[in-house]
Protein backbone atom coordinates (compact mmCIF):
# COMPACT_ATOMS: atom_id res chain seq x y z
CA MET A 1 5.02 -63.81 -57.77
CA LYS A 2 0.96 -63.72 -58.90
CA LEU A 3 -1.54 -60.88 -59.22
CA ARG A 4 -4.28 -61.70 -56.61
CA VAL A 5 -7.18 -59.69 -57.81
CA LEU A 6 -11.22 -59.88 -56.27
CA VAL A 7 -13.85 -58.79 -58.55
CA LEU A 8 -16.89 -58.21 -57.06
CA GLY A 9 -19.61 -58.83 -59.36
CA ALA A 10 -19.69 -61.07 -63.04
CA GLY A 11 -21.88 -58.44 -64.44
CA PHE A 12 -20.73 -56.85 -67.99
CA GLY A 13 -18.18 -54.94 -65.86
CA GLY A 14 -17.17 -58.10 -64.12
CA LEU A 15 -16.83 -60.71 -66.91
CA GLU A 16 -14.97 -58.19 -69.27
CA LEU A 17 -12.20 -57.40 -66.71
CA SER A 18 -11.96 -60.95 -65.46
CA THR A 19 -11.35 -61.65 -69.52
CA ILE A 20 -8.75 -59.10 -70.26
CA LEU A 21 -7.10 -59.57 -67.42
CA SER A 22 -6.59 -63.53 -68.37
CA GLU A 23 -5.82 -62.83 -71.77
CA ALA A 24 -2.88 -60.46 -70.71
CA ILE A 25 -1.58 -62.07 -67.68
CA GLY A 26 -2.46 -65.62 -67.77
CA THR A 27 -1.27 -68.41 -65.11
CA GLU A 28 0.59 -65.23 -63.44
CA LEU A 29 -2.77 -64.44 -62.18
CA ASP A 30 -5.00 -65.46 -59.20
CA LEU A 31 -8.40 -63.95 -60.04
CA THR A 32 -11.58 -64.79 -57.85
CA LEU A 33 -14.74 -63.76 -59.44
CA ILE A 34 -17.44 -63.62 -56.92
CA ASP A 35 -21.44 -63.51 -57.33
CA GLN A 36 -24.29 -64.51 -55.10
CA HIS A 37 -26.15 -65.22 -58.73
CA ASP A 38 -25.39 -68.67 -60.64
CA SER A 39 -26.05 -66.96 -63.90
CA PHE A 40 -25.61 -64.36 -66.47
CA TYR A 41 -28.37 -62.37 -68.71
CA PHE A 42 -28.59 -59.53 -71.00
CA GLY A 43 -30.57 -56.62 -69.62
CA TYR A 44 -32.43 -56.66 -72.42
CA SER A 45 -33.43 -60.17 -72.47
CA LYS A 46 -36.01 -59.03 -69.71
CA LEU A 47 -37.96 -57.40 -71.94
CA ASP A 48 -38.10 -60.80 -74.51
CA VAL A 49 -39.03 -62.78 -71.20
CA MET A 50 -41.96 -60.42 -70.00
CA PHE A 51 -43.25 -60.22 -73.22
CA GLY A 52 -43.37 -64.13 -74.33
CA ARG A 53 -40.85 -63.52 -76.94
CA LYS A 54 -37.97 -65.88 -75.00
CA GLN A 55 -38.43 -68.37 -72.02
CA PRO A 56 -36.71 -67.55 -68.71
CA ASP A 57 -34.32 -70.34 -68.95
CA THR A 58 -33.36 -69.49 -72.43
CA VAL A 59 -31.75 -66.44 -71.80
CA LYS A 60 -29.43 -67.48 -68.86
CA ILE A 61 -25.98 -68.44 -69.10
CA SER A 62 -24.13 -70.57 -66.26
CA TYR A 63 -21.19 -68.70 -64.62
CA ARG A 64 -19.65 -72.42 -64.42
CA ASN A 65 -18.85 -71.66 -68.54
CA VAL A 66 -16.05 -69.62 -67.10
CA VAL A 67 -13.40 -71.21 -67.81
CA LYS A 68 -10.24 -68.88 -68.12
CA PRO A 69 -6.31 -69.39 -67.13
CA GLY A 70 -5.70 -67.63 -63.92
CA VAL A 71 -9.81 -67.28 -63.04
CA ARG A 72 -12.08 -68.78 -60.84
CA PHE A 73 -15.84 -68.08 -60.25
CA ARG A 74 -17.21 -68.15 -56.65
CA GLN A 75 -21.01 -68.15 -56.17
CA GLU A 76 -21.04 -66.56 -52.67
CA THR A 77 -23.24 -63.42 -51.06
CA ILE A 78 -20.57 -61.07 -49.83
CA THR A 79 -20.99 -59.53 -46.51
CA ALA A 80 -18.27 -57.18 -46.03
CA ILE A 81 -15.76 -55.26 -47.96
CA ASP A 82 -13.06 -53.57 -45.92
CA PRO A 83 -10.99 -51.53 -49.05
CA VAL A 84 -8.33 -50.48 -46.74
CA ALA A 85 -6.92 -54.45 -46.09
CA LYS A 86 -8.78 -55.22 -50.05
CA ARG A 87 -10.46 -58.38 -47.91
CA VAL A 88 -13.83 -59.33 -48.66
CA THR A 89 -15.95 -61.82 -46.28
CA THR A 90 -18.78 -63.52 -47.99
CA SER A 91 -21.01 -66.73 -46.79
CA ASP A 92 -18.63 -68.84 -47.10
CA GLY A 93 -15.58 -67.44 -46.13
CA THR A 94 -12.72 -64.56 -46.86
CA TYR A 95 -10.93 -63.28 -49.23
CA GLU A 96 -7.74 -60.89 -49.34
CA ALA A 97 -6.17 -59.61 -52.61
CA ASP A 98 -3.72 -57.23 -53.98
CA VAL A 99 -6.26 -55.12 -56.31
CA LEU A 100 -10.15 -55.46 -55.09
CA VAL A 101 -12.64 -54.44 -58.33
CA VAL A 102 -15.81 -53.48 -56.86
CA ALA A 103 -18.65 -54.10 -60.05
CA LEU A 104 -21.59 -54.84 -57.73
CA GLY A 105 -24.29 -52.88 -59.92
CA ALA A 106 -27.16 -51.22 -58.36
CA ASN A 107 -30.50 -52.51 -56.78
CA TYR A 108 -33.72 -51.73 -56.68
CA ASP A 109 -35.63 -50.25 -53.41
CA LEU A 110 -39.12 -50.88 -54.25
CA ALA A 111 -40.13 -49.44 -50.49
CA ALA A 112 -39.20 -45.48 -51.79
CA THR A 113 -42.20 -45.66 -53.90
CA PRO A 114 -45.35 -46.46 -51.27
CA GLY A 115 -47.71 -48.57 -53.52
CA LEU A 116 -45.33 -49.90 -56.09
CA ALA A 117 -45.05 -53.33 -54.49
CA GLU A 118 -48.97 -53.63 -53.66
CA GLY A 119 -50.37 -51.99 -56.28
CA GLY A 120 -47.69 -52.04 -59.18
CA ASN A 121 -45.20 -54.46 -61.24
CA GLU A 122 -42.04 -53.86 -61.64
CA TYR A 123 -39.61 -55.61 -65.05
CA TYR A 124 -35.90 -54.50 -63.93
CA SER A 125 -35.67 -57.60 -61.94
CA PHE A 126 -35.50 -60.89 -63.72
CA GLU A 127 -38.50 -61.99 -60.99
CA GLY A 128 -40.37 -59.02 -61.94
CA ALA A 129 -39.99 -59.18 -65.85
CA GLU A 130 -40.94 -63.39 -64.86
CA LYS A 131 -43.92 -62.38 -63.25
CA LEU A 132 -45.32 -60.42 -66.16
CA ARG A 133 -45.60 -62.62 -68.13
CA GLU A 134 -48.54 -63.59 -66.20
CA VAL A 135 -49.44 -60.03 -65.56
CA LEU A 136 -49.95 -58.68 -69.37
CA PRO A 137 -52.26 -61.11 -70.54
CA ARG A 138 -54.60 -60.46 -68.18
CA PHE A 139 -54.46 -56.60 -69.07
CA SER A 140 -57.58 -56.11 -72.00
CA GLN A 141 -58.49 -52.66 -71.23
CA GLY A 142 -58.09 -49.61 -69.78
CA HIS A 143 -54.82 -47.67 -68.53
CA ALA A 144 -51.38 -48.75 -69.05
CA VAL A 145 -48.69 -46.79 -67.42
CA VAL A 146 -45.13 -46.90 -67.61
CA GLY A 147 -43.05 -44.98 -65.08
CA VAL A 148 -39.95 -44.06 -63.50
CA CYS A 149 -39.76 -43.50 -60.07
CA SER A 150 -36.26 -41.98 -59.32
CA ALA A 151 -33.38 -41.35 -61.12
CA PRO A 152 -30.51 -42.61 -62.21
CA PHE A 153 -31.89 -45.59 -63.63
CA LYS A 154 -30.29 -48.28 -65.58
CA CYS A 155 -30.52 -48.52 -69.50
CA PRO A 156 -32.45 -45.00 -70.30
CA PRO A 157 -33.92 -46.24 -73.57
CA ALA A 158 -35.75 -49.20 -71.47
CA PRO A 159 -38.84 -47.14 -70.31
CA SER A 160 -39.33 -45.81 -74.04
CA GLU A 161 -38.69 -49.59 -75.47
CA ALA A 162 -41.26 -51.14 -72.62
CA ALA A 163 -44.09 -48.32 -73.75
CA LEU A 164 -43.25 -49.45 -77.87
CA MET A 165 -43.28 -53.04 -77.29
CA LEU A 166 -46.29 -53.06 -75.06
CA HIS A 167 -48.48 -51.18 -77.71
CA ASP A 168 -47.32 -54.07 -80.35
CA TYR A 169 -48.11 -56.51 -77.73
CA LEU A 170 -51.62 -55.20 -77.32
CA LEU A 171 -51.83 -54.50 -80.65
CA LYS A 172 -51.26 -58.19 -81.67
CA ARG A 173 -54.07 -59.48 -79.15
CA GLY A 174 -56.48 -57.41 -81.08
CA VAL A 175 -57.52 -54.83 -77.82
CA ARG A 176 -54.88 -52.08 -78.43
CA ASP A 177 -58.10 -49.72 -78.88
CA ALA A 178 -59.06 -50.51 -75.65
CA CYS A 179 -56.16 -49.38 -73.85
CA THR A 180 -54.22 -46.71 -73.12
CA ILE A 181 -50.44 -46.21 -72.92
CA SER A 182 -48.60 -43.41 -70.77
CA LEU A 183 -44.69 -42.96 -70.22
CA ILE A 184 -43.32 -41.14 -67.35
CA ILE A 185 -39.78 -40.39 -67.59
CA PRO A 186 -37.42 -37.41 -65.38
CA PHE A 187 -35.95 -36.03 -68.37
CA GLY A 188 -37.49 -33.52 -71.08
CA LEU A 189 -36.42 -35.90 -74.00
CA PRO A 190 -36.38 -39.93 -73.92
CA ILE A 191 -32.52 -39.35 -74.70
CA PRO A 192 -31.10 -36.22 -73.88
CA PRO A 193 -27.82 -36.85 -75.38
CA SER A 194 -29.27 -37.15 -78.59
CA PRO A 195 -31.64 -34.96 -79.90
CA ASP A 196 -32.01 -37.18 -82.93
CA THR A 197 -32.83 -40.31 -81.04
CA SER A 198 -35.48 -38.39 -79.24
CA LYS A 199 -37.01 -36.84 -82.07
CA ALA A 200 -37.32 -40.72 -83.47
CA LEU A 201 -38.93 -41.91 -80.19
CA LEU A 202 -41.51 -38.86 -80.11
CA LYS A 203 -42.30 -39.62 -83.56
CA ALA A 204 -42.85 -43.19 -82.77
CA PHE A 205 -45.21 -42.47 -79.49
CA GLU A 206 -47.31 -39.96 -81.65
CA GLU A 207 -48.01 -42.44 -84.16
CA ARG A 208 -49.04 -44.80 -81.50
CA HIS A 209 -51.15 -42.82 -79.69
CA ILE A 210 -48.29 -42.82 -76.49
CA GLN A 211 -49.11 -40.47 -74.42
CA PHE A 212 -45.37 -39.01 -73.53
CA ILE A 213 -45.15 -37.16 -70.25
CA PRO A 214 -41.21 -35.26 -69.37
CA GLN A 215 -39.76 -34.15 -66.54
CA ARG A 216 -42.00 -35.90 -63.94
CA LYS A 217 -41.34 -38.77 -61.48
CA VAL A 218 -43.81 -41.24 -60.16
CA ARG A 219 -44.22 -40.74 -56.30
CA SER A 220 -46.80 -43.30 -55.12
CA LEU A 221 -49.90 -45.63 -56.17
CA ASP A 222 -53.10 -45.53 -54.91
CA ALA A 223 -54.11 -49.47 -55.69
CA SER A 224 -57.47 -48.63 -53.99
CA ARG A 225 -58.25 -45.52 -56.19
CA LYS A 226 -56.10 -47.31 -59.38
CA VAL A 227 -54.33 -43.94 -59.64
CA VAL A 228 -50.54 -42.92 -59.75
CA SER A 229 -49.65 -39.71 -58.17
CA LEU A 230 -46.68 -37.24 -59.77
CA ASP A 231 -44.27 -35.32 -57.80
CA ASP A 232 -45.85 -32.73 -59.30
CA GLY A 233 -49.19 -33.44 -57.14
CA SER A 234 -50.85 -34.27 -60.35
CA GLU A 235 -52.61 -37.78 -60.77
CA LEU A 236 -52.85 -40.45 -63.34
CA PRO A 237 -55.62 -43.27 -64.07
CA TYR A 238 -54.20 -46.75 -64.02
CA ASN A 239 -55.03 -50.28 -64.28
CA LEU A 240 -51.72 -52.03 -65.30
CA PHE A 241 -48.45 -50.04 -64.32
CA LEU A 242 -45.08 -50.94 -64.98
CA GLY A 243 -42.40 -49.07 -62.88
CA ILE A 244 -38.89 -48.19 -62.53
CA PRO A 245 -38.16 -48.64 -59.29
CA LYS A 246 -35.63 -46.05 -57.38
CA HIS A 247 -32.08 -48.01 -58.16
CA VAL A 248 -29.85 -47.91 -54.77
CA ALA A 249 -26.47 -49.33 -54.44
CA PRO A 250 -25.95 -52.37 -52.67
CA GLU A 251 -25.90 -52.61 -48.60
CA VAL A 252 -22.74 -53.81 -48.43
CA VAL A 253 -21.29 -50.84 -50.38
CA LEU A 254 -22.80 -48.56 -48.46
CA GLN A 255 -21.34 -50.15 -45.50
CA SER A 256 -17.72 -50.53 -46.54
CA GLY A 257 -16.97 -46.76 -46.46
CA LEU A 258 -16.28 -46.91 -50.26
CA ALA A 259 -19.74 -44.87 -51.01
CA GLU A 260 -20.57 -40.84 -50.97
CA ASN A 261 -24.10 -39.59 -51.50
CA GLY A 262 -25.06 -43.40 -52.05
CA TRP A 263 -22.40 -44.26 -54.95
CA ILE A 264 -18.90 -45.21 -55.53
CA PRO A 265 -16.91 -41.44 -56.66
CA VAL A 266 -13.72 -42.92 -59.01
CA ASP A 267 -11.17 -41.06 -60.73
CA LYS A 268 -12.70 -41.01 -64.44
CA ALA A 269 -9.17 -41.31 -65.73
CA ASN A 270 -9.06 -44.76 -64.36
CA LEU A 271 -11.96 -46.12 -61.86
CA LEU A 272 -9.78 -45.76 -58.94
CA THR A 273 -11.51 -45.05 -55.59
CA LYS A 274 -10.32 -43.22 -53.05
CA PHE A 275 -8.38 -46.42 -51.64
CA PRO A 276 -4.76 -47.55 -53.21
CA ASN A 277 -5.24 -50.37 -55.79
CA VAL A 278 -9.30 -50.30 -55.21
CA TYR A 279 -11.13 -49.92 -58.27
CA ALA A 280 -14.80 -49.55 -59.26
CA ILE A 281 -16.56 -49.74 -62.59
CA GLY A 282 -20.16 -50.23 -63.82
CA ASP A 283 -23.76 -49.03 -62.14
CA VAL A 284 -22.47 -48.91 -58.40
CA THR A 285 -20.52 -45.54 -59.33
CA SER A 286 -21.33 -41.96 -59.75
CA VAL A 287 -18.67 -42.03 -62.66
CA GLY A 288 -21.45 -39.89 -64.95
CA THR A 289 -22.14 -42.41 -67.70
CA PRO A 290 -25.58 -43.81 -67.74
CA LYS A 291 -26.02 -47.23 -65.72
CA ALA A 292 -26.14 -49.89 -68.93
CA GLY A 293 -24.01 -52.62 -69.03
CA VAL A 294 -22.04 -51.09 -72.25
CA PHE A 295 -20.61 -48.11 -70.15
CA ALA A 296 -19.35 -50.97 -67.48
CA GLU A 297 -17.82 -52.51 -70.07
CA GLY A 298 -16.21 -49.57 -71.43
CA ALA A 299 -14.95 -48.74 -67.99
CA ALA A 300 -14.06 -52.41 -67.30
CA LYS A 301 -11.16 -52.08 -70.24
CA THR A 302 -10.14 -48.69 -68.36
CA ALA A 303 -9.60 -50.47 -64.99
CA ALA A 304 -8.18 -53.24 -66.40
CA ALA A 305 -5.45 -51.43 -68.44
CA ALA A 306 -4.39 -49.38 -65.10
CA ILE A 307 -4.33 -52.43 -63.53
CA ILE A 308 -1.97 -54.42 -66.13
CA ALA A 309 0.02 -51.42 -66.65
CA ALA A 310 0.66 -51.36 -62.97
CA TYR A 311 1.90 -55.00 -62.57
CA LYS A 312 4.34 -54.73 -65.50
CA GLY A 313 5.57 -51.69 -64.05
CA LYS A 314 4.73 -49.96 -66.93
CA GLU A 315 2.83 -46.10 -67.33
CA ASN A 316 -0.79 -46.39 -68.27
CA THR A 317 -1.84 -44.48 -71.16
CA SER A 318 -5.73 -45.51 -71.13
CA ALA A 319 -8.49 -43.37 -70.30
CA TYR A 320 -12.02 -43.92 -69.87
CA THR A 321 -14.00 -42.40 -72.85
CA GLY A 322 -17.31 -42.70 -71.60
CA ALA A 323 -18.24 -44.09 -74.76
CA GLY A 324 -20.73 -46.75 -75.79
CA SER A 325 -23.74 -47.77 -77.72
CA CYS A 326 -26.95 -48.75 -76.98
CA TYR A 327 -29.96 -50.61 -78.63
CA ILE A 328 -33.62 -49.53 -78.80
CA GLU A 329 -36.69 -51.84 -79.61
CA PHE A 330 -38.99 -49.55 -81.76
CA GLY A 331 -41.35 -52.33 -82.38
CA GLU A 332 -42.61 -53.62 -85.16
CA GLY A 333 -39.29 -56.09 -85.95
CA LYS A 334 -37.23 -52.85 -85.73
CA VAL A 335 -34.06 -51.88 -83.59
CA GLY A 336 -32.16 -48.57 -83.74
CA ARG A 337 -29.23 -47.51 -82.23
CA VAL A 338 -27.87 -44.40 -80.32
CA ASP A 339 -24.14 -44.31 -79.85
CA VAL A 340 -23.25 -41.90 -76.98
CA ASP A 341 -19.95 -40.36 -75.99
CA PHE A 342 -19.75 -38.73 -72.49
CA PHE A 343 -16.36 -37.44 -71.99
CA SER A 344 -14.66 -36.65 -75.25
CA GLY A 345 -16.57 -33.13 -75.69
CA PRO A 346 -17.74 -30.58 -73.89
CA LYS A 347 -20.73 -32.12 -73.01
CA PRO A 348 -22.42 -35.39 -73.60
CA PHE A 349 -23.50 -36.05 -77.51
CA GLY A 350 -24.99 -39.25 -79.24
CA ILE A 351 -25.40 -40.22 -82.57
CA HIS A 352 -28.83 -42.17 -83.72
CA HIS A 353 -29.15 -45.19 -86.25
CA ASP A 354 -32.70 -45.11 -87.33
CA PRO A 355 -34.29 -48.52 -86.64
CA SER A 356 -34.00 -51.24 -89.03
CA GLU A 357 -34.13 -54.93 -89.43
CA MET A 358 -30.60 -54.89 -89.75
CA LEU A 359 -30.06 -53.49 -86.66
CA VAL A 360 -31.70 -56.53 -85.00
CA VAL A 361 -29.02 -58.74 -86.64
CA ASP A 362 -26.52 -56.09 -84.98
CA LYS A 363 -28.04 -56.41 -81.36
CA ASP A 364 -28.02 -60.27 -82.18
CA HIS A 365 -24.22 -60.22 -83.17
CA PHE A 366 -23.41 -57.89 -79.84
CA GLY A 367 -25.07 -60.68 -77.73
CA SER A 368 -23.46 -63.94 -79.57
CA SER A 369 -20.20 -61.62 -79.40
CA ARG A 370 -20.14 -61.33 -75.93
CA LYS A 371 -21.76 -64.50 -75.20
CA ALA A 372 -18.22 -66.33 -77.08
CA ARG A 373 -15.81 -63.83 -75.36
CA TRP A 374 -16.71 -64.33 -71.61
CA PHE A 375 -18.33 -67.42 -71.58
CA GLY A 376 -16.71 -69.54 -74.48
CA LEU A 377 -19.90 -70.79 -76.05
């Protein structure tokens, strides 16, 4: 009998899990991968798009390239999830499975920050990054603010990357001296698990005259007064605001009974939810790792191992380590990397790799290897 699997969401987690199950089970697999979008893109490509380094169409990969034994892709919008029956309703029909994997990521709630939608910009959605391609060239003087509106948020290095890349962008246009750049984040350090990476970033901020404002969040924007209000009541002037909006689980997840306190709790060992044979991986969970693609990929490997072991009647010896590597754009054509481990020791720790041109090549390989593995390109 074929193993029926439903995978909701075709991001890092959904793609990796589908690939592993296809490799391990092959024609005995009946896996349906569902996503409302028609294409995939790496999260870091949004920075390339917004700063004009790449065209939007060149960073998207069509899901029609997902051709694997036992796997079929469906572009449909999920409207209901029943974790008890392992039944999913979409815009086009109903699916049932033996195993359900929820990998729907996180959505953005711009309305949670008054004034953001009307008076600011966000670059965490692809549409927001595309819009900034037209906004950024019009900014030539004044105050630029990169600000986090809430935590947790995807890709903790991304706010630092945006500030550093904005510096390079303005410098190249010859207007950097007419502009200030401020970075607001809710942490005491840019990358808390790695003091060395944080030290390198703080040095880069100082060298580029970027004001670093730690342990603060953006509360609201007043477009008429051109001020950003922080959660301690202080204000900051702005002419350009690049925001990281509040992250929330998709509404269909919140209505399913899977979520607690806004996210899906899972067993750290195997990514199982409180419902039998229902797994959750990636940004939609509260597992305790950053919301980033590489950690969703790691979770997918653990969940896939548990699914395969159960199908073959074997003991599962794999456990999620919470380890992953994040690349960080430092500007000036250099990329750094931090290798972080969240669960092996008494507390999370990170190993810093200095920014270099060699790590630019390493980052490119990271993307091309996944593109080949998931899409055969």
